[in-house]
């Protein structure tokens, strides 16, 4: 956790050019890793035609006002993300997590799911199944899975969203 890959790259970058010609930078920079992560193209989950138009600051169509708030907060704090990027789990079930975020410092992907209809009991059952499937496939709350919730009576708490982003 304390390993700073940029220090390794900085050593290489600060070498005299003549020495660089005889060496190879074995650790890609954060910028190189991020460029690789961003370069992957994907097809997000198809949106129903009758869905209201919810656009983020990045001009992405999302499914709810709360997802706009999360996406715009991720952008504001400089967190790279992909909306509804397909993810194969276990027995090849494909999920489309709301957000796949990239932690540049740790060089790992973190899934962010927002569950916004907790007033619907069938939705809650599906949520539990989804969270269990994530756990069975190596995605654990607080490690590489972030979850936010809301219901008809309890709205999304933006202080919590921003706190999760900073963490």
C-alpha atoms as a PDB file:
ATOM      1  CA  UNK A   1       0.000   0.000   0.000  1.00  0.00           C
ATOM      2  CA  UNK A   2       2.915   2.333   0.572  1.00  0.00           C
ATOM      3  CA  UNK A   3       4.550   1.530  -2.774  1.00  0.00           C
ATOM      4  CA  UNK A   4       4.624   4.628  -4.948  1.00  0.00           C
ATOM      5  CA  UNK A   5       5.057   3.597  -8.564  1.00  0.00           C
ATOM      6  CA  UNK A   6       5.716   7.196  -9.525  1.00  0.00           C
ATOM      7  CA  UNK A   7       8.967   7.148  -7.542  1.00  0.00           C
ATOM      8  CA  UNK A   8      10.275   4.343  -9.758  1.00  0.00           C
ATOM      9  CA  UNK A   9       9.258   6.236 -12.876  1.00  0.00           C
ATOM     10  CA  UNK A  10      10.761   9.449 -11.506  1.00  0.00           C
ATOM     11  CA  UNK A  11      14.137   7.726 -11.125  1.00  0.00           C
ATOM     12  CA  UNK A  12      14.002   6.720 -14.778  1.00  0.00           C
ATOM     13  CA  UNK A  13      12.778  10.136 -15.945  1.00  0.00           C
ATOM     14  CA  UNK A  14      15.558  11.914 -14.049  1.00  0.00           C
ATOM     15  CA  UNK A  15      18.326   9.768 -15.548  1.00  0.00           C
ATOM     16  CA  UNK A  16      20.643  11.261 -18.091  1.00  0.00           C
ATOM     17  CA  UNK A  17      19.323  10.483 -21.576  1.00  0.00           C
ATOM     18  CA  UNK A  18      22.479   8.487 -22.386  1.00  0.00           C
ATOM     19  CA  UNK A  19      21.783   6.183 -19.421  1.00  0.00           C
ATOM     20  CA  UNK A  20      18.102   5.890 -20.359  1.00  0.00           C
ATOM     21  CA  UNK A  21      19.191   4.482 -23.713  1.00  0.00           C
ATOM     22  CA  UNK A  22      20.671   1.478 -21.875  1.00  0.00           C
ATOM     23  CA  UNK A  23      17.783   0.922 -19.462  1.00  0.00           C
ATOM     24  CA  UNK A  24      14.078   0.191 -19.569  1.00  0.00           C
ATOM     25  CA  UNK A  25      11.449   1.780 -17.385  1.00  0.00           C
ATOM     26  CA  UNK A  26       9.828  -1.294 -15.820  1.00  0.00           C
ATOM     27  CA  UNK A  27       7.045   0.594 -14.103  1.00  0.00           C
ATOM     28  CA  UNK A  28       4.528   2.502 -16.191  1.00  0.00           C
ATOM     29  CA  UNK A  29       3.600   5.912 -14.859  1.00  0.00           C
ATOM     30  CA  UNK A  30       0.185   6.661 -13.404  1.00  0.00           C
ATOM     31  CA  UNK A  31      -0.613   8.563 -16.586  1.00  0.00           C
ATOM     32  CA  UNK A  32       0.311   5.548 -18.750  1.00  0.00           C
ATOM     33  CA  UNK A  33      -1.821   3.196 -16.620  1.00  0.00           C
ATOM     34  CA  UNK A  34      -4.740   5.609 -16.745  1.00  0.00           C
ATOM     35  CA  UNK A  35      -4.392   5.982 -20.523  1.00  0.00           C
ATOM     36  CA  UNK A  36      -4.541   2.197 -20.913  1.00  0.00           C
ATOM     37  CA  UNK A  37      -7.614   1.999 -18.631  1.00  0.00           C
ATOM     38  CA  UNK A  38      -9.335   4.832 -20.504  1.00  0.00           C
ATOM     39  CA  UNK A  39      -8.514   3.430 -23.951  1.00  0.00           C
ATOM     40  CA  UNK A  40     -10.695   0.346 -23.501  1.00  0.00           C
ATOM     41  CA  UNK A  41     -13.884   0.714 -25.480  1.00  0.00           C
ATOM     42  CA  UNK A  42     -17.094  -0.908 -24.334  1.00  0.00           C
ATOM     43  CA  UNK A  43     -20.796  -1.050 -25.033  1.00  0.00           C
ATOM     44  CA  UNK A  44     -22.872   0.107 -22.040  1.00  0.00           C
ATOM     45  CA  UNK A  45     -26.200  -1.484 -21.190  1.00  0.00           C
ATOM     46  CA  UNK A  46     -28.940  -0.498 -23.592  1.00  0.00           C
ATOM     47  CA  UNK A  47     -31.252   2.279 -22.385  1.00  0.00           C
ATOM     48  CA  UNK A  48     -35.014   1.888 -22.761  1.00  0.00           C
ATOM     49  CA  UNK A  49     -36.522   4.346 -25.232  1.00  0.00           C
ATOM     50  CA  UNK A  50     -39.061   5.640 -22.709  1.00  0.00           C
ATOM     51  CA  UNK A  51     -36.465   6.479 -20.052  1.00  0.00           C
ATOM     52  CA  UNK A  52     -36.365  10.192 -19.158  1.00  0.00           C
ATOM     53  CA  UNK A  53     -33.266  12.019 -20.329  1.00  0.00           C
ATOM     54  CA  UNK A  54     -30.739  12.270 -17.484  1.00  0.00           C
ATOM     55  CA  UNK A  55     -27.424  13.720 -18.703  1.00  0.00           C
ATOM     56  CA  UNK A  56     -24.193  14.046 -16.721  1.00  0.00           C
ATOM     57  CA  UNK A  57     -21.646  16.832 -17.124  1.00  0.00           C
ATOM     58  CA  UNK A  58     -19.814  14.395 -19.445  1.00  0.00           C
ATOM     59  CA  UNK A  59     -22.965  14.213 -21.622  1.00  0.00           C
ATOM     60  CA  UNK A  60     -23.559  10.568 -20.658  1.00  0.00           C
ATOM     61  CA  UNK A  61     -27.112   9.317 -20.419  1.00  0.00           C
ATOM     62  CA  UNK A  62     -27.720   7.714 -17.019  1.00  0.00           C
ATOM     63  CA  UNK A  63     -30.795   6.152 -15.448  1.00  0.00           C
ATOM     64  CA  UNK A  64     -31.531   8.490 -12.537  1.00  0.00           C
ATOM     65  CA  UNK A  65     -30.957  11.904 -10.991  1.00  0.00           C
ATOM     66  CA  UNK A  66     -28.902  10.277  -8.235  1.00  0.00           C
ATOM     67  CA  UNK A  67     -26.586   8.711 -10.816  1.00  0.00           C
ATOM     68  CA  UNK A  68     -26.107  12.196 -12.298  1.00  0.00           C
ATOM     69  CA  UNK A  69     -25.048  13.440  -8.858  1.00  0.00           C
ATOM     70  CA  UNK A  70     -22.599  10.551  -8.383  1.00  0.00           C
ATOM     71  CA  UNK A  71     -21.135  10.860 -11.898  1.00  0.00           C
ATOM     72  CA  UNK A  72     -20.712  14.620 -11.596  1.00  0.00           C
ATOM     73  CA  UNK A  73     -19.062  14.243  -8.181  1.00  0.00           C
ATOM     74  CA  UNK A  74     -16.645  11.646  -9.535  1.00  0.00           C
ATOM     75  CA  UNK A  75     -15.770  14.026 -12.366  1.00  0.00           C
ATOM     76  CA  UNK A  76     -15.428  17.030 -10.045  1.00  0.00           C
ATOM     77  CA  UNK A  77     -12.954  15.148  -7.842  1.00  0.00           C
ATOM     78  CA  UNK A  78     -11.000  13.761 -10.811  1.00  0.00           C
ATOM     79  CA  UNK A  79     -11.951  10.098 -10.399  1.00  0.00           C
ATOM     80  CA  UNK A  80     -11.862   8.250 -13.733  1.00  0.00           C
ATOM     81  CA  UNK A  81     -15.000   6.171 -14.245  1.00  0.00           C
ATOM     82  CA  UNK A  82     -16.992   4.238 -16.808  1.00  0.00           C
ATOM     83  CA  UNK A  83     -20.769   4.102 -16.659  1.00  0.00           C
ATOM     84  CA  UNK A  84     -22.383   0.663 -16.956  1.00  0.00           C
ATOM     85  CA  UNK A  85     -19.239  -1.080 -18.190  1.00  0.00           C
ATOM     86  CA  UNK A  86     -20.003  -4.811 -18.670  1.00  0.00           C
ATOM     87  CA  UNK A  87     -18.501  -7.113 -16.054  1.00  0.00           C
ATOM     88  CA  UNK A  88     -18.523 -10.914 -16.300  1.00  0.00           C
ATOM     89  CA  UNK A  89     -18.937 -12.654 -12.982  1.00  0.00           C
ATOM     90  CA  UNK A  90     -18.355 -16.299 -12.129  1.00  0.00           C
ATOM     91  CA  UNK A  91     -20.488 -18.382 -14.408  1.00  0.00           C
ATOM     92  CA  UNK A  92     -20.364 -15.757 -17.150  1.00  0.00           C
ATOM     93  CA  UNK A  93     -23.304 -13.702 -15.873  1.00  0.00           C
ATOM     94  CA  UNK A  94     -22.818 -10.196 -17.230  1.00  0.00           C
ATOM     95  CA  UNK A  95     -23.559  -7.327 -14.876  1.00  0.00           C
ATOM     96  CA  UNK A  96     -23.443  -3.656 -15.705  1.00  0.00           C
ATOM     97  CA  UNK A  97     -22.284  -1.936 -12.515  1.00  0.00           C
ATOM     98  CA  UNK A  98     -23.432   1.657 -12.288  1.00  0.00           C
ATOM     99  CA  UNK A  99     -19.830   2.865 -12.200  1.00  0.00           C
ATOM    100  CA  UNK A 100     -16.434   1.277 -12.590  1.00  0.00           C
ATOM    101  CA  UNK A 101     -13.939   3.698 -11.068  1.00  0.00           C
ATOM    102  CA  UNK A 102     -10.177   3.578 -11.417  1.00  0.00           C
ATOM    103  CA  UNK A 103      -7.982   4.219  -8.389  1.00  0.00           C
ATOM    104  CA  UNK A 104      -4.873   5.544 -10.108  1.00  0.00           C
ATOM    105  CA  UNK A 105      -2.669   5.369  -7.015  1.00  0.00           C
ATOM    106  CA  UNK A 106      -3.533   1.723  -6.292  1.00  0.00           C
ATOM    107  CA  UNK A 107      -4.027   0.878  -9.976  1.00  0.00           C
ATOM    108  CA  UNK A 108      -7.185  -1.067  -9.467  1.00  0.00           C
ATOM    109  CA  UNK A 109     -10.802  -0.890 -10.505  1.00  0.00           C
ATOM    110  CA  UNK A 110     -13.492  -0.275  -7.920  1.00  0.00           C
ATOM    111  CA  UNK A 111     -17.165  -0.917  -8.555  1.00  0.00           C
ATOM    112  CA  UNK A 112     -19.761   1.607  -7.357  1.00  0.00           C
ATOM    113  CA  UNK A 113     -23.351   0.470  -7.221  1.00  0.00           C
ATOM    114  CA  UNK A 114     -26.189   2.804  -6.314  1.00  0.00           C
ATOM    115  CA  UNK A 115     -29.382   1.162  -5.114  1.00  0.00           C
ATOM    116  CA  UNK A 116     -32.096   3.764  -5.387  1.00  0.00           C
ATOM    117  CA  UNK A 117     -35.369   1.916  -5.014  1.00  0.00           C
ATOM    118  CA  UNK A 118     -35.190   0.399  -1.561  1.00  0.00           C
ATOM    119  CA  UNK A 119     -38.910   1.012  -1.076  1.00  0.00           C
ATOM    120  CA  UNK A 120     -39.543  -1.838  -3.568  1.00  0.00           C
ATOM    121  CA  UNK A 121     -39.242  -5.259  -1.884  1.00  0.00           C
ATOM    122  CA  UNK A 122     -38.481  -7.135  -5.144  1.00  0.00           C
ATOM    123  CA  UNK A 123     -35.733  -4.614  -5.901  1.00  0.00           C
ATOM    124  CA  UNK A 124     -34.249  -5.217  -2.434  1.00  0.00           C
ATOM    125  CA  UNK A 125     -34.242  -9.007  -3.008  1.00  0.00           C
ATOM    126  CA  UNK A 126     -32.432  -8.521  -6.331  1.00  0.00           C
ATOM    127  CA  UNK A 127     -29.978  -6.151  -4.641  1.00  0.00           C
ATOM    128  CA  UNK A 128     -29.107  -8.760  -2.000  1.00  0.00           C
ATOM    129  CA  UNK A 129     -28.578 -11.416  -4.676  1.00  0.00           C
ATOM    130  CA  UNK A 130     -26.361  -9.037  -6.642  1.00  0.00           C
ATOM    131  CA  UNK A 131     -24.261  -8.107  -3.582  1.00  0.00           C
ATOM    132  CA  UNK A 132     -23.854 -11.801  -2.705  1.00  0.00           C
ATOM    133  CA  UNK A 133     -22.742 -12.585  -6.252  1.00  0.00           C
ATOM    134  CA  UNK A 134     -20.243  -9.732  -6.132  1.00  0.00           C
ATOM    135  CA  UNK A 135     -18.805 -11.087  -2.867  1.00  0.00           C
ATOM    136  CA  UNK A 136     -18.548 -14.610  -4.293  1.00  0.00           C
ATOM    137  CA  UNK A 137     -16.522 -13.147  -7.170  1.00  0.00           C
ATOM    138  CA  UNK A 138     -14.028 -11.129  -5.144  1.00  0.00           C
ATOM    139  CA  UNK A 139     -15.772  -7.766  -4.879  1.00  0.00           C
ATOM    140  CA  UNK A 140     -16.024  -6.797  -1.218  1.00  0.00           C
ATOM    141  CA  UNK A 141     -17.678  -3.802   0.416  1.00  0.00           C
ATOM    142  CA  UNK A 142     -15.126  -1.241   1.478  1.00  0.00           C
ATOM    143  CA  UNK A 143     -12.324  -2.846  -0.521  1.00  0.00           C
ATOM    144  CA  UNK A 144     -13.230  -2.809  -4.197  1.00  0.00           C
ATOM    145  CA  UNK A 145     -16.988  -2.285  -3.978  1.00  0.00           C
ATOM    146  CA  UNK A 146     -18.738   0.924  -2.956  1.00  0.00           C
ATOM    147  CA  UNK A 147     -22.484   0.946  -2.382  1.00  0.00           C
ATOM    148  CA  UNK A 148     -24.881   3.829  -1.848  1.00  0.00           C
ATOM    149  CA  UNK A 149     -28.587   3.599  -1.085  1.00  0.00           C
ATOM    150  CA  UNK A 150     -31.782   5.601  -1.100  1.00  0.00           C
ATOM    151  CA  UNK A 151     -35.507   5.051  -0.810  1.00  0.00           C
ATOM    152  CA  UNK A 152     -38.639   7.118  -1.335  1.00  0.00           C
ATOM    153  CA  UNK A 153     -38.264   8.563   2.169  1.00  0.00           C
ATOM    154  CA  UNK A 154     -34.463   8.686   2.506  1.00  0.00           C
ATOM    155  CA  UNK A 155     -32.664  10.503  -0.342  1.00  0.00           C
ATOM    156  CA  UNK A 156     -29.079  10.023  -1.438  1.00  0.00           C
ATOM    157  CA  UNK A 157     -26.750  11.739   1.035  1.00  0.00           C
ATOM    158  CA  UNK A 158     -24.185  13.728  -0.950  1.00  0.00           C
ATOM    159  CA  UNK A 159     -21.908  14.129   2.084  1.00  0.00           C
ATOM    160  CA  UNK A 160     -21.570  10.339   2.119  1.00  0.00           C
ATOM    161  CA  UNK A 161     -20.945  10.269  -1.647  1.00  0.00           C
ATOM    162  CA  UNK A 162     -18.133  12.814  -1.345  1.00  0.00           C
ATOM    163  CA  UNK A 163     -16.682  11.029   1.681  1.00  0.00           C
ATOM    164  CA  UNK A 164     -16.626   7.736  -0.235  1.00  0.00           C
ATOM    165  CA  UNK A 165     -14.884   9.436  -3.168  1.00  0.00           C
ATOM    166  CA  UNK A 166     -12.191  10.826  -0.882  1.00  0.00           C
ATOM    167  CA  UNK A 167     -11.688   7.427   0.730  1.00  0.00           C
END
